[in-house]
Amino acid sequence: MEKTKFDGLYEYMGYVIYNGGSKHEWDVEPIHWDIKAVERFKSQSESHKTLAKAKKWIKENADLVREKDYL
């Protein structure tokens, strides 16, 4: 993981936000979901350019994204 001003994982509204690569992009994944659902979610989601954009995406979509849709 690339060193950035923001290191580590952030928990926000039932999701974890992390910097998963060298592009300084932020990935989002649900907490407490079945691992298969998380992997399917990750394969269909996009990275976010900033931590603030990742939080905004969660705030706007947290109620729309359901685990059963990815099982």
C-alpha atoms as a PDB file:
ATOM      1  CA  MET A   1       0.000   0.000   0.000  1.00  0.00           C
ATOM      2  CA  GLU A   2       1.362   3.402  -0.950  1.00  0.00           C
ATOM      3  CA  LYS A   3       2.153   5.845   1.865  1.00  0.00           C
ATOM      4  CA  THR A   4      -0.259   8.756   1.900  1.00  0.00           C
ATOM      5  CA  LYS A   5      -1.226  11.539   4.221  1.00  0.00           C
ATOM      6  CA  PHE A   6      -4.129   9.315   5.269  1.00  0.00           C
ATOM      7  CA  ASP A   7      -3.042   5.824   6.276  1.00  0.00           C
ATOM      8  CA  GLY A   8      -5.124   2.909   7.408  1.00  0.00           C
ATOM      9  CA  LEU A   9      -8.721   1.902   7.197  1.00  0.00           C
ATOM     10  CA  TYR A  10     -11.687   4.111   7.887  1.00  0.00           C
ATOM     11  CA  GLU A  11     -15.045   2.792   9.043  1.00  0.00           C
ATOM     12  CA  TYR A  12     -17.980   4.894   7.910  1.00  0.00           C
ATOM     13  CA  MET A  13     -21.706   4.049   8.022  1.00  0.00           C
ATOM     14  CA  GLY A  14     -21.164   0.275   7.856  1.00  0.00           C
ATOM     15  CA  TYR A  15     -18.443   0.441   5.194  1.00  0.00           C
ATOM     16  CA  VAL A  16     -14.678   0.406   5.262  1.00  0.00           C
ATOM     17  CA  ILE A  17     -12.713   2.864   3.126  1.00  0.00           C
ATOM     18  CA  TYR A  18      -9.096   2.123   2.311  1.00  0.00           C
ATOM     19  CA  ASN A  19      -6.322   3.163  -0.048  1.00  0.00           C
ATOM     20  CA  GLY A  20      -5.694  -0.108  -1.832  1.00  0.00           C
ATOM     21  CA  GLY A  21      -3.006   0.783  -4.336  1.00  0.00           C
ATOM     22  CA  SER A  22      -0.430   3.126  -5.696  1.00  0.00           C
ATOM     23  CA  LYS A  23      -2.903   5.303  -7.601  1.00  0.00           C
ATOM     24  CA  HIS A  24      -3.965   7.145  -4.435  1.00  0.00           C
ATOM     25  CA  GLU A  25      -7.532   6.016  -5.029  1.00  0.00           C
ATOM     26  CA  TRP A  26      -9.940   4.978  -2.311  1.00  0.00           C
ATOM     27  CA  ASP A  27     -11.906   1.740  -2.327  1.00  0.00           C
ATOM     28  CA  VAL A  28     -15.117   1.088  -0.429  1.00  0.00           C
ATOM     29  CA  GLU A  29     -16.476  -2.229   0.794  1.00  0.00           C
ATOM     30  CA  PRO A  30     -19.261  -3.222   3.161  1.00  0.00           C
ATOM     31  CA  ILE A  31     -18.515  -4.494   6.657  1.00  0.00           C
ATOM     32  CA  HIS A  32     -20.226  -7.649   7.988  1.00  0.00           C
ATOM     33  CA  TRP A  33     -21.275  -9.000   4.586  1.00  0.00           C
ATOM     34  CA  ASP A  34     -20.712 -12.538   3.360  1.00  0.00           C
ATOM     35  CA  ILE A  35     -17.301 -12.744   1.668  1.00  0.00           C
ATOM     36  CA  LYS A  36     -18.835 -13.779  -1.684  1.00  0.00           C
ATOM     37  CA  ALA A  37     -21.111 -10.746  -1.638  1.00  0.00           C
ATOM     38  CA  VAL A  38     -18.174  -8.459  -0.790  1.00  0.00           C
ATOM     39  CA  GLU A  39     -16.091  -9.854  -3.673  1.00  0.00           C
ATOM     40  CA  ARG A  40     -18.966  -9.360  -6.136  1.00  0.00           C
ATOM     41  CA  PHE A  41     -19.551  -5.853  -4.812  1.00  0.00           C
ATOM     42  CA  LYS A  42     -15.849  -4.983  -5.221  1.00  0.00           C
ATOM     43  CA  SER A  43     -15.746  -6.332  -8.773  1.00  0.00           C
ATOM     44  CA  GLN A  44     -18.601  -4.013  -9.757  1.00  0.00           C
ATOM     45  CA  SER A  45     -17.594  -0.899  -7.844  1.00  0.00           C
ATOM     46  CA  GLU A  46     -15.201   1.858  -8.831  1.00  0.00           C
ATOM     47  CA  SER A  47     -12.423   3.511  -6.861  1.00  0.00           C
ATOM     48  CA  HIS A  48     -12.803   7.103  -5.701  1.00  0.00           C
ATOM     49  CA  LYS A  49     -10.221   9.844  -6.256  1.00  0.00           C
ATOM     50  CA  THR A  50     -10.485  11.265  -2.727  1.00  0.00           C
ATOM     51  CA  LEU A  51     -11.518  10.119   0.718  1.00  0.00           C
ATOM     52  CA  ALA A  52     -14.250  12.769   0.704  1.00  0.00           C
ATOM     53  CA  LYS A  53     -15.706  11.392  -2.548  1.00  0.00           C
ATOM     54  CA  ALA A  54     -15.724   7.880  -1.092  1.00  0.00           C
ATOM     55  CA  LYS A  55     -17.621   9.131   1.966  1.00  0.00           C
ATOM     56  CA  LYS A  56     -20.061  11.021  -0.257  1.00  0.00           C
ATOM     57  CA  TRP A  57     -20.699   7.864  -2.306  1.00  0.00           C
ATOM     58  CA  ILE A  58     -21.431   5.910   0.872  1.00  0.00           C
ATOM     59  CA  LYS A  59     -23.747   8.607   2.194  1.00  0.00           C
ATOM     60  CA  GLU A  60     -25.699   8.664  -1.087  1.00  0.00           C
ATOM     61  CA  ASN A  61     -25.800   4.898  -1.677  1.00  0.00           C
ATOM     62  CA  ALA A  62     -25.672   3.118   1.695  1.00  0.00           C
ATOM     63  CA  ASP A  63     -29.436   2.562   1.777  1.00  0.00           C
ATOM     64  CA  LEU A  64     -29.584   1.445  -1.867  1.00  0.00           C
ATOM     65  CA  VAL A  65     -26.902  -1.260  -1.766  1.00  0.00           C
ATOM     66  CA  ARG A  66     -28.038  -4.537  -0.202  1.00  0.00           C
ATOM     67  CA  GLU A  67     -26.088  -7.688   0.498  1.00  0.00           C
ATOM     68  CA  LYS A  68     -28.783  -9.960  -0.957  1.00  0.00           C
ATOM     69  CA  ASP A  69     -28.331  -8.269  -4.359  1.00  0.00           C
ATOM     70  CA  TYR A  70     -24.752  -9.605  -4.462  1.00  0.00           C
ATOM     71  CA  LEU A  71     -25.320 -13.175  -3.252  1.00  0.00           C
END
